[in-house]
PDB file of N, CA and C in Angstrom:
ATOM      1  N   MET A   1    -128.084   6.061 -18.807  1.00  0.00           N
ATOM      2  CA  MET A   1    -128.586   4.780 -19.216  1.00  0.00           C
ATOM      3  C   MET A   1    -128.079   3.747 -18.211  1.00  0.00           C
ATOM      4  N   ASP A   2    -128.936   2.888 -17.737  1.00  0.00           N
ATOM      5  CA  ASP A   2    -128.582   1.786 -16.851  1.00  0.00           C
ATOM      6  C   ASP A   2    -128.590   0.492 -17.645  1.00  0.00           C
ATOM      7  N   ILE A   3    -127.619  -0.372 -17.367  1.00  0.00           N
ATOM      8  CA  ILE A   3    -127.522  -1.640 -18.078  1.00  0.00           C
ATOM      9  C   ILE A   3    -127.015  -2.699 -17.102  1.00  0.00           C
ATOM     10  N   SER A   4    -127.506  -3.894 -17.232  1.00  0.00           N
ATOM     11  CA  SER A   4    -127.080  -4.960 -16.322  1.00  0.00           C
ATOM     12  C   SER A   4    -125.673  -5.434 -16.698  1.00  0.00           C
ATOM     13  N   ALA A   5    -124.998  -6.025 -15.728  1.00  0.00           N
ATOM     14  CA  ALA A   5    -123.641  -6.512 -15.952  1.00  0.00           C
ATOM     15  C   ALA A   5    -123.615  -7.597 -17.018  1.00  0.00           C
ATOM     16  N   THR A   6    -124.648  -8.425 -17.072  1.00  0.00           N
ATOM     17  CA  THR A   6    -124.709  -9.498 -18.065  1.00  0.00           C
ATOM     18  C   THR A   6    -124.766  -8.931 -19.477  1.00  0.00           C
ATOM     19  N   VAL A   7    -125.616  -7.937 -19.676  1.00  0.00           N
ATOM     20  CA  VAL A   7    -125.733  -7.294 -20.994  1.00  0.00           C
ATOM     21  C   VAL A   7    -124.447  -6.546 -21.323  1.00  0.00           C
ATOM     22  N   PHE A   8    -123.877  -5.879 -20.322  1.00  0.00           N
ATOM     23  CA  PHE A   8    -122.633  -5.150 -20.557  1.00  0.00           C
ATOM     24  C   PHE A   8    -121.526  -6.100 -21.002  1.00  0.00           C
ATOM     25  N   LYS A   9    -121.442  -7.250 -20.353  1.00  0.00           N
ATOM     26  CA  LYS A   9    -120.416  -8.232 -20.694  1.00  0.00           C
ATOM     27  C   LYS A   9    -120.571  -8.708 -22.146  1.00  0.00           C
ATOM     28  N   ALA A  10    -121.805  -8.911 -22.574  1.00  0.00           N
ATOM     29  CA  ALA A  10    -122.061  -9.402 -23.931  1.00  0.00           C
ATOM     30  C   ALA A  10    -121.839  -8.327 -24.995  1.00  0.00           C
ATOM     31  N   GLU A  11    -122.091  -7.061 -24.657  1.00  0.00           N
ATOM     32  CA  GLU A  11    -122.050  -5.989 -25.652  1.00  0.00           C
ATOM     33  C   GLU A  11    -121.048  -4.892 -25.313  1.00  0.00           C
ATOM     34  N   CYS A  12    -119.997  -5.246 -24.627  1.00  0.00           N
ATOM     35  CA  CYS A  12    -119.036  -4.267 -24.124  1.00  0.00           C
ATOM     36  C   CYS A  12    -118.475  -3.361 -25.226  1.00  0.00           C
ATOM     37  N   LEU A  13    -117.954  -3.917 -26.295  1.00  0.00           N
ATOM     38  CA  LEU A  13    -117.328  -3.109 -27.344  1.00  0.00           C
ATOM     39  C   LEU A  13    -118.319  -2.189 -28.038  1.00  0.00           C
ATOM     40  N   LYS A  14    -119.520  -2.696 -28.269  1.00  0.00           N
ATOM     41  CA  LYS A  14    -120.557  -1.867 -28.896  1.00  0.00           C
ATOM     42  C   LYS A  14    -120.927  -0.699 -27.974  1.00  0.00           C
ATOM     43  N   LEU A  15    -121.042  -0.958 -26.672  1.00  0.00           N
ATOM     44  CA  LEU A  15    -121.384   0.094 -25.712  1.00  0.00           C
ATOM     45  C   LEU A  15    -120.260   1.131 -25.603  1.00  0.00           C
ATOM     46  N   MET A  16    -119.021   0.692 -25.674  1.00  0.00           N
ATOM     47  CA  MET A  16    -117.904   1.642 -25.645  1.00  0.00           C
ATOM     48  C   MET A  16    -117.936   2.567 -26.860  1.00  0.00           C
ATOM     49  N   ASP A  17    -118.259   2.024 -28.020  1.00  0.00           N
ATOM     50  CA  ASP A  17    -118.390   2.856 -29.216  1.00  0.00           C
ATOM     51  C   ASP A  17    -119.528   3.852 -29.077  1.00  0.00           C
ATOM     52  N   GLU A  18    -120.640   3.417 -28.479  1.00  0.00           N
ATOM     53  CA  GLU A  18    -121.786   4.300 -28.277  1.00  0.00           C
ATOM     54  C   GLU A  18    -121.445   5.443 -27.322  1.00  0.00           C
ATOM     55  N   ILE A  19    -120.705   5.140 -26.270  1.00  0.00           N
ATOM     56  CA  ILE A  19    -120.299   6.185 -25.320  1.00  0.00           C
ATOM     57  C   ILE A  19    -119.380   7.189 -25.997  1.00  0.00           C
ATOM     58  N   ALA A  20    -118.470   6.706 -26.813  1.00  0.00           N
ATOM     59  CA  ALA A  20    -117.566   7.610 -27.528  1.00  0.00           C
ATOM     60  C   ALA A  20    -118.343   8.521 -28.475  1.00  0.00           C
ATOM     61  N   ARG A  21    -119.400   8.000 -29.067  1.00  0.00           N
ATOM     62  CA  ARG A  21    -120.196   8.786 -30.014  1.00  0.00           C
ATOM     63  C   ARG A  21    -121.125   9.767 -29.299  1.00  0.00           C
ATOM     64  N   THR A  22    -121.852   9.303 -28.266  1.00  0.00           N
ATOM     65  CA  THR A  22    -122.868  10.137 -27.613  1.00  0.00           C
ATOM     66  C   THR A  22    -122.339  10.947 -26.441  1.00  0.00           C
ATOM     67  N   ARG A  23    -121.161  10.538 -25.873  1.00  0.00           N
ATOM     68  CA  ARG A  23    -120.566  11.207 -24.711  1.00  0.00           C
ATOM     69  C   ARG A  23    -121.452  11.098 -23.465  1.00  0.00           C
ATOM     70  N   GLU A  24    -122.366  10.117 -23.438  1.00  0.00           N
ATOM     71  CA  GLU A  24    -123.253   9.892 -22.289  1.00  0.00           C
ATOM     72  C   GLU A  24    -122.741   8.703 -21.480  1.00  0.00           C
ATOM     73  N   PRO A  25    -122.656   8.827 -20.150  1.00  0.00           N
ATOM     74  CA  PRO A  25    -122.187   7.712 -19.331  1.00  0.00           C
ATOM     75  C   PRO A  25    -123.225   6.590 -19.216  1.00  0.00           C
ATOM     76  N   ILE A  26    -122.737   5.389 -18.914  1.00  0.00           N
ATOM     77  CA  ILE A  26    -123.611   4.227 -18.712  1.00  0.00           C
ATOM     78  C   ILE A  26    -123.354   3.700 -17.300  1.00  0.00           C
ATOM     79  N   VAL A  27    -124.416   3.457 -16.549  1.00  0.00           N
ATOM     80  CA  VAL A  27    -124.313   2.870 -15.213  1.00  0.00           C
ATOM     81  C   VAL A  27    -124.518   1.371 -15.352  1.00  0.00           C
ATOM     82  N   ILE A  28    -123.582   0.592 -14.835  1.00  0.00           N
ATOM     83  CA  ILE A  28    -123.658  -0.867 -14.903  1.00  0.00           C
ATOM     84  C   ILE A  28    -124.208  -1.364 -13.566  1.00  0.00           C
ATOM     85  N   THR A  29    -125.253  -2.171 -13.649  1.00  0.00           N
ATOM     86  CA  THR A  29    -125.915  -2.646 -12.429  1.00  0.00           C
ATOM     87  C   THR A  29    -125.719  -4.143 -12.263  1.00  0.00           C
ATOM     88  N   LYS A  30    -125.799  -4.566 -11.015  1.00  0.00           N
ATOM     89  CA  LYS A  30    -125.734  -5.986 -10.687  1.00  0.00           C
ATOM     90  C   LYS A  30    -126.863  -6.253  -9.708  1.00  0.00           C
ATOM     91  N   HIS A  31    -127.806  -7.079 -10.123  1.00  0.00           N
ATOM     92  CA  HIS A  31    -129.011  -7.367  -9.330  1.00  0.00           C
ATOM     93  C   HIS A  31    -129.788  -6.078  -9.029  1.00  0.00           C
ATOM     94  N   GLY A  32    -129.804  -5.158  -9.992  1.00  0.00           N
ATOM     95  CA  GLY A  32    -130.577  -3.930  -9.856  1.00  0.00           C
ATOM     96  C   GLY A  32    -129.874  -2.811  -9.097  1.00  0.00           C
ATOM     97  N   ARG A  33    -128.678  -3.063  -8.561  1.00  0.00           N
ATOM     98  CA  ARG A  33    -127.945  -2.024  -7.816  1.00  0.00           C
ATOM     99  C   ARG A  33    -126.770  -1.524  -8.655  1.00  0.00           C
ATOM    100  N   PRO A  34    -126.564  -0.219  -8.722  1.00  0.00           N
ATOM    101  CA  PRO A  34    -125.437   0.323  -9.488  1.00  0.00           C
ATOM    102  C   PRO A  34    -124.106  -0.104  -8.861  1.00  0.00           C
ATOM    103  N   VAL A  35    -123.191  -0.596  -9.676  1.00  0.00           N
ATOM    104  CA  VAL A  35    -121.881  -1.005  -9.178  1.00  0.00           C
ATOM    105  C   VAL A  35    -120.724  -0.311  -9.897  1.00  0.00           C
ATOM    106  N   ALA A  36    -120.958   0.172 -11.090  1.00  0.00           N
ATOM    107  CA  ALA A  36    -119.889   0.841 -11.844  1.00  0.00           C
ATOM    108  C   ALA A  36    -120.509   1.813 -12.838  1.00  0.00           C
ATOM    109  N   GLN A  37    -119.662   2.704 -13.303  1.00  0.00           N
ATOM    110  CA  GLN A  37    -120.106   3.671 -14.300  1.00  0.00           C
ATOM    111  C   GLN A  37    -119.042   3.748 -15.384  1.00  0.00           C
ATOM    112  N   LEU A  38    -119.463   3.650 -16.614  1.00  0.00           N
ATOM    113  CA  LEU A  38    -118.569   3.771 -17.761  1.00  0.00           C
ATOM    114  C   LEU A  38    -118.804   5.151 -18.363  1.00  0.00           C
ATOM    115  N   VAL A  39    -117.754   5.982 -18.335  1.00  0.00           N
ATOM    116  CA  VAL A  39    -117.887   7.367 -18.801  1.00  0.00           C
ATOM    117  C   VAL A  39    -116.889   7.630 -19.919  1.00  0.00           C
ATOM    118  N   PRO A  40    -117.181   8.600 -20.784  1.00  0.00           N
ATOM    119  CA  PRO A  40    -116.232   8.932 -21.849  1.00  0.00           C
ATOM    120  C   PRO A  40    -115.010   9.643 -21.281  1.00  0.00           C
ATOM    121  N   VAL A  41    -113.900   9.478 -21.940  1.00  0.00           N
ATOM    122  CA  VAL A  41    -112.674  10.174 -21.552  1.00  0.00           C
ATOM    123  C   VAL A  41    -112.858  11.648 -21.881  1.00  0.00           C
ATOM    124  N   PRO A  42    -112.509  12.555 -20.944  1.00  0.00           N
ATOM    125  CA  PRO A  42    -112.664  13.982 -21.232  1.00  0.00           C
ATOM    126  C   PRO A  42    -111.795  14.408 -22.409  1.00  0.00           C
ATOM    127  N   ALA A  43    -112.331  15.274 -23.222  1.00  0.00           N
ATOM    128  CA  ALA A  43    -111.583  15.775 -24.381  1.00  0.00           C
ATOM    129  C   ALA A  43    -110.445  16.654 -23.886  1.00  0.00           C
ATOM    130  N   ARG A  44    -109.280  16.487 -24.483  1.00  0.00           N
ATOM    131  CA  ARG A  44    -108.127  17.295 -24.117  1.00  0.00           C
ATOM    132  C   ARG A  44    -107.941  18.407 -25.130  1.00  0.00           C
ATOM    133  N   ALA A  45    -107.427  19.514 -24.637  1.00  0.00           N
ATOM    134  CA  ALA A  45    -107.115  20.617 -25.536  1.00  0.00           C
ATOM    135  C   ALA A  45    -105.944  20.215 -26.429  1.00  0.00           C
ATOM    136  N   ARG A  46    -105.962  20.622 -27.659  1.00  0.00           N
ATOM    137  CA  ARG A  46    -104.881  20.270 -28.578  1.00  0.00           C
ATOM    138  C   ARG A  46    -103.575  20.945 -28.183  1.00  0.00           C
ATOM    139  N   THR A  47    -103.666  22.210 -27.776  1.00  0.00           N
ATOM    140  CA  THR A  47    -102.485  22.925 -27.317  1.00  0.00           C
ATOM    141  C   THR A  47    -102.848  23.693 -26.065  1.00  0.00           C
ATOM    142  N   LEU A  48    -101.855  24.162 -25.357  1.00  0.00           N
ATOM    143  CA  LEU A  48    -102.102  24.977 -24.179  1.00  0.00           C
ATOM    144  C   LEU A  48    -102.487  26.402 -24.565  1.00  0.00           C
ATOM    145  N   PHE A  49    -102.113  26.819 -25.757  1.00  0.00           N
ATOM    146  CA  PHE A  49    -102.419  28.171 -26.191  1.00  0.00           C
ATOM    147  C   PHE A  49    -103.930  28.356 -26.294  1.00  0.00           C
ATOM    148  N   GLY A  50    -104.468  29.267 -25.523  1.00  0.00           N
ATOM    149  CA  GLY A  50    -105.881  29.597 -25.584  1.00  0.00           C
ATOM    150  C   GLY A  50    -106.787  28.705 -24.767  1.00  0.00           C
ATOM    151  N   TYR A  51    -106.237  27.811 -23.931  1.00  0.00           N
ATOM    152  CA  TYR A  51    -107.121  26.906 -23.203  1.00  0.00           C
ATOM    153  C   TYR A  51    -107.940  27.610 -22.135  1.00  0.00           C
ATOM    154  N   MET A  52    -107.551  28.818 -21.731  1.00  0.00           N
ATOM    155  CA  MET A  52    -108.314  29.562 -20.726  1.00  0.00           C
ATOM    156  C   MET A  52    -109.200  30.645 -21.349  1.00  0.00           C
ATOM    157  N   LYS A  53    -109.360  30.595 -22.645  1.00  0.00           N
ATOM    158  CA  LYS A  53    -110.164  31.587 -23.340  1.00  0.00           C
ATOM    159  C   LYS A  53    -111.566  31.638 -22.740  1.00  0.00           C
ATOM    160  N   GLY A  54    -112.016  32.849 -22.448  1.00  0.00           N
ATOM    161  CA  GLY A  54    -113.356  33.041 -21.899  1.00  0.00           C
ATOM    162  C   GLY A  54    -113.439  32.926 -20.388  1.00  0.00           C
ATOM    163  N   THR A  55    -112.304  32.769 -19.694  1.00  0.00           N
ATOM    164  CA  THR A  55    -112.343  32.627 -18.244  1.00  0.00           C
ATOM    165  C   THR A  55    -112.065  33.930 -17.508  1.00  0.00           C
ATOM    166  N   VAL A  56    -111.678  34.983 -18.222  1.00  0.00           N
ATOM    167  CA  VAL A  56    -111.355  36.264 -17.600  1.00  0.00           C
ATOM    168  C   VAL A  56    -112.360  37.309 -18.049  1.00  0.00           C
ATOM    169  N   LYS A  57    -112.801  38.108 -17.102  1.00  0.00           N
ATOM    170  CA  LYS A  57    -113.731  39.186 -17.435  1.00  0.00           C
ATOM    171  C   LYS A  57    -113.031  40.513 -17.160  1.00  0.00           C
ATOM    172  N   ILE A  58    -112.924  41.351 -18.182  1.00  0.00           N
ATOM    173  CA  ILE A  58    -112.277  42.651 -18.055  1.00  0.00           C
ATOM    174  C   ILE A  58    -113.347  43.687 -17.758  1.00  0.00           C
ATOM    175  N   THR A  59    -113.160  44.401 -16.654  1.00  0.00           N
ATOM    176  CA  THR A  59    -114.090  45.471 -16.307  1.00  0.00           C
ATOM    177  C   THR A  59    -113.317  46.775 -16.275  1.00  0.00           C
ATOM    178  N   GLY A  60    -113.795  47.761 -16.940  1.00  0.00           N
ATOM    179  CA  GLY A  60    -113.135  49.051 -16.970  1.00  0.00           C
ATOM    180  C   GLY A  60    -112.072  49.136 -18.049  1.00  0.00           C
ATOM    181  N   ASP A  61    -111.318  50.225 -18.017  1.00  0.00           N
ATOM    182  CA  ASP A  61    -110.281  50.492 -19.008  1.00  0.00           C
ATOM    183  C   ASP A  61    -108.956  49.963 -18.486  1.00  0.00           C
ATOM    184  N   ILE A  62    -108.378  48.978 -19.162  1.00  0.00           N
ATOM    185  CA  ILE A  62    -107.119  48.395 -18.694  1.00  0.00           C
ATOM    186  C   ILE A  62    -105.904  49.078 -19.316  1.00  0.00           C
ATOM    187  N   VAL A  63    -106.115  50.043 -20.187  1.00  0.00           N
ATOM    188  CA  VAL A  63    -105.015  50.704 -20.870  1.00  0.00           C
ATOM    189  C   VAL A  63    -104.710  52.077 -20.267  1.00  0.00           C
ATOM    190  N   ALA A  64    -105.710  52.773 -19.784  1.00  0.00           N
ATOM    191  CA  ALA A  64    -105.524  54.122 -19.265  1.00  0.00           C
ATOM    192  C   ALA A  64    -104.708  54.090 -17.973  1.00  0.00           C
ATOM    193  N   PRO A  65    -103.892  55.108 -17.738  1.00  0.00           N
ATOM    194  CA  PRO A  65    -103.109  55.149 -16.490  1.00  0.00           C
ATOM    195  C   PRO A  65    -104.023  55.309 -15.277  1.00  0.00           C
ATOM    196  N   ILE A  66    -103.546  54.814 -14.136  1.00  0.00           N
ATOM    197  CA  ILE A  66    -104.329  54.928 -12.910  1.00  0.00           C
ATOM    198  C   ILE A  66    -103.899  56.171 -12.145  1.00  0.00           C
ATOM    199  N   ALA A  67    -104.718  56.638 -11.234  1.00  0.00           N
ATOM    200  CA  ALA A  67    -104.429  57.865 -10.506  1.00  0.00           C
ATOM    201  C   ALA A  67    -103.502  57.632  -9.318  1.00  0.00           C
ATOM    202  N   ALA A  68    -103.370  56.406  -8.848  1.00  0.00           N
ATOM    203  CA  ALA A  68    -102.533  56.116  -7.686  1.00  0.00           C
ATOM    204  C   ALA A  68    -101.053  56.291  -8.018  1.00  0.00           C
ATOM    205  N   GLU A  69    -100.296  56.829  -7.038  1.00  0.00           N
ATOM    206  CA  GLU A  69     -98.863  57.012  -7.240  1.00  0.00           C
ATOM    207  C   GLU A  69     -98.148  55.746  -6.775  1.00  0.00           C
ATOM    208  N   TRP A  70     -97.203  55.304  -7.545  1.00  0.00           N
ATOM    209  CA  TRP A  70     -96.475  54.092  -7.209  1.00  0.00           C
ATOM    210  C   TRP A  70     -95.410  54.414  -6.164  1.00  0.00           C
ATOM    211  N   SER A  71     -95.207  53.494  -5.245  1.00  0.00           N
ATOM    212  CA  SER A  71     -94.198  53.720  -4.209  1.00  0.00           C
ATOM    213  C   SER A  71     -92.791  53.746  -4.819  1.00  0.00           C
ATOM    214  N   ALA A  72     -92.580  53.045  -5.904  1.00  0.00           N
ATOM    215  CA  ALA A  72     -91.270  53.069  -6.562  1.00  0.00           C
ATOM    216  C   ALA A  72     -90.988  54.449  -7.130  1.00  0.00           C
ATOM    217  N   HIS A  73     -92.011  55.148  -7.544  1.00  0.00           N
ATOM    218  CA  HIS A  73     -91.849  56.486  -8.109  1.00  0.00           C
ATOM    219  C   HIS A  73     -91.717  57.523  -7.000  1.00  0.00           C
ATOM    220  N   SER A  74     -92.444  57.350  -5.902  1.00  0.00           N
ATOM    221  CA  SER A  74     -92.418  58.335  -4.822  1.00  0.00           C
ATOM    222  C   SER A  74     -91.227  58.146  -3.889  1.00  0.00           C
ATOM    223  N   GLY A  75     -90.622  56.959  -3.858  1.00  0.00           N
ATOM    224  CA  GLY A  75     -89.469  56.713  -3.003  1.00  0.00           C
ATOM    225  C   GLY A  75     -89.839  56.287  -1.601  1.00  0.00           C
ATOM    226  N   GLU A  76     -91.103  55.953  -1.345  1.00  0.00           N
ATOM    227  CA  GLU A  76     -91.542  55.576   0.001  1.00  0.00           C
ATOM    228  C   GLU A  76     -90.912  54.275   0.485  1.00  0.00           C
ATOM    229  N   GLU A  77     -90.568  53.375  -0.398  1.00  0.00           N
ATOM    230  CA  GLU A  77     -90.061  52.072   0.014  1.00  0.00           C
ATOM    231  C   GLU A  77     -88.599  51.872  -0.367  1.00  0.00           C
ATOM    232  N   ASP A  78     -87.842  52.946  -0.484  1.00  0.00           N
ATOM    233  CA  ASP A  78     -86.446  52.826  -0.891  1.00  0.00           C
ATOM    234  C   ASP A  78     -85.623  52.006   0.092  1.00  0.00           C
ATOM    235  N   GLU A  79     -85.974  52.047   1.368  1.00  0.00           N
ATOM    236  CA  GLU A  79     -85.206  51.294   2.366  1.00  0.00           C
ATOM    237  C   GLU A  79     -85.315  49.784   2.158  1.00  0.00           C
ATOM    238  N   LEU A  80     -86.325  49.346   1.444  1.00  0.00           N
ATOM    239  CA  LEU A  80     -86.478  47.915   1.184  1.00  0.00           C
ATOM    240  C   LEU A  80     -85.504  47.423   0.121  1.00  0.00           C
ATOM    241  N   TYR A  81     -84.961  48.339  -0.641  1.00  0.00           N
ATOM    242  CA  TYR A  81     -84.117  47.953  -1.766  1.00  0.00           C
ATOM    243  C   TYR A  81     -82.662  48.364  -1.593  1.00  0.00           C
ATOM    244  N   THR A  82     -82.214  48.603  -0.366  1.00  0.00           N
ATOM    245  CA  THR A  82     -80.824  48.961  -0.138  1.00  0.00           C
ATOM    246  C   THR A  82     -79.979  47.700  -0.016  1.00  0.00           C
ATOM    247  N   ILE A  83     -78.701  47.851  -0.267  1.00  0.00           N
ATOM    248  CA  ILE A  83     -77.784  46.722  -0.192  1.00  0.00           C
ATOM    249  C   ILE A  83     -77.222  46.656   1.216  1.00  0.00           C
ATOM    250  N   ALA A  84     -77.161  45.460   1.777  1.00  0.00           N
ATOM    251  CA  ALA A  84     -76.632  45.278   3.126  1.00  0.00           C
ATOM    252  C   ALA A  84     -75.161  45.678   3.155  1.00  0.00           C
ATOM    253  N   PRO A  85     -74.682  46.226   4.287  1.00  0.00           N
ATOM    254  CA  PRO A  85     -73.271  46.631   4.377  1.00  0.00           C
ATOM    255  C   PRO A  85     -72.348  45.433   4.147  1.00  0.00           C
ATOM    256  N   GLY A  86     -71.273  45.673   3.434  1.00  0.00           N
ATOM    257  CA  GLY A  86     -70.303  44.626   3.169  1.00  0.00           C
ATOM    258  C   GLY A  86     -70.631  43.764   1.962  1.00  0.00           C
ATOM    259  N   ARG A  87     -71.750  43.985   1.346  1.00  0.00           N
ATOM    260  CA  ARG A  87     -72.132  43.199   0.172  1.00  0.00           C
ATOM    261  C   ARG A  87     -72.084  44.096  -1.046  1.00  0.00           C
ATOM    262  N   SER A  88     -71.757  43.534  -2.153  1.00  0.00           N
ATOM    263  CA  SER A  88     -71.654  44.291  -3.389  1.00  0.00           C
ATOM    264  C   SER A  88     -72.552  43.661  -4.434  1.00  0.00           C
ATOM    265  N   ARG A  89     -73.045  44.464  -5.327  1.00  0.00           N
ATOM    266  CA  ARG A  89     -73.876  43.948  -6.418  1.00  0.00           C
ATOM    267  C   ARG A  89     -73.009  43.360  -7.515  1.00  0.00           C
ATOM    268  N   ARG A  90     -71.767  43.763  -7.599  1.00  0.00           N
ATOM    269  CA  ARG A  90     -70.888  43.299  -8.659  1.00  0.00           C
ATOM    270  C   ARG A  90     -70.493  41.845  -8.418  1.00  0.00           C
ATOM    271  N   ARG A  91     -70.428  41.126  -9.496  1.00  0.00           N
ATOM    272  CA  ARG A  91     -69.935  39.761  -9.413  1.00  0.00           C
ATOM    273  C   ARG A  91     -68.456  39.778  -9.725  1.00  0.00           C
ATOM    274  N   THR A  92     -67.732  39.022  -8.972  1.00  0.00           N
ATOM    275  CA  THR A  92     -66.300  38.945  -9.241  1.00  0.00           C
ATOM    276  C   THR A  92     -66.017  37.657 -10.006  1.00  0.00           C
ATOM    277  N   ALA A  93     -65.050  37.732 -10.878  1.00  0.00           N
ATOM    278  CA  ALA A  93     -64.688  36.563 -11.667  1.00  0.00           C
ATOM    279  C   ALA A  93     -63.958  35.570 -10.785  1.00  0.00           C
ATOM    280  N   LYS A  94     -64.250  34.304 -10.973  1.00  0.00           N
ATOM    281  CA  LYS A  94     -63.564  33.265 -10.214  1.00  0.00           C
ATOM    282  C   LYS A  94     -62.161  33.101 -10.772  1.00  0.00           C
ATOM    283  N   PRO A  95     -61.168  32.918  -9.893  1.00  0.00           N
ATOM    284  CA  PRO A  95     -59.803  32.694 -10.399  1.00  0.00           C
ATOM    285  C   PRO A  95     -59.725  31.345 -11.120  1.00  0.00           C
ATOM    286  N   LYS A  96     -58.914  31.316 -12.157  1.00  0.00           N
ATOM    287  CA  LYS A  96     -58.781  30.096 -12.961  1.00  0.00           C
ATOM    288  C   LYS A  96     -57.707  29.199 -12.432  1.00  0.00           C
TER     289      LYS A  96
END
């Protein structure tokens, strides 16, 4: 909907209520040229839980085991997980 600035100025509150109800933006014109747009505030999710519902598509069986062997099971990458010489995994207590 296009509306002139003069009409918008006179009926601003009524137009804001209409936008909130219809969720349709209004273009405000000045001398026939668009100068501003009044749009409804986007609705916010009440909670974060479930806000991505419907955005993931599952293809295939996600529960059945896969045929590929994991490197952690085969030991192919054991050298990546060794401790550097002189370092210990144990934490020592700080003296009091």
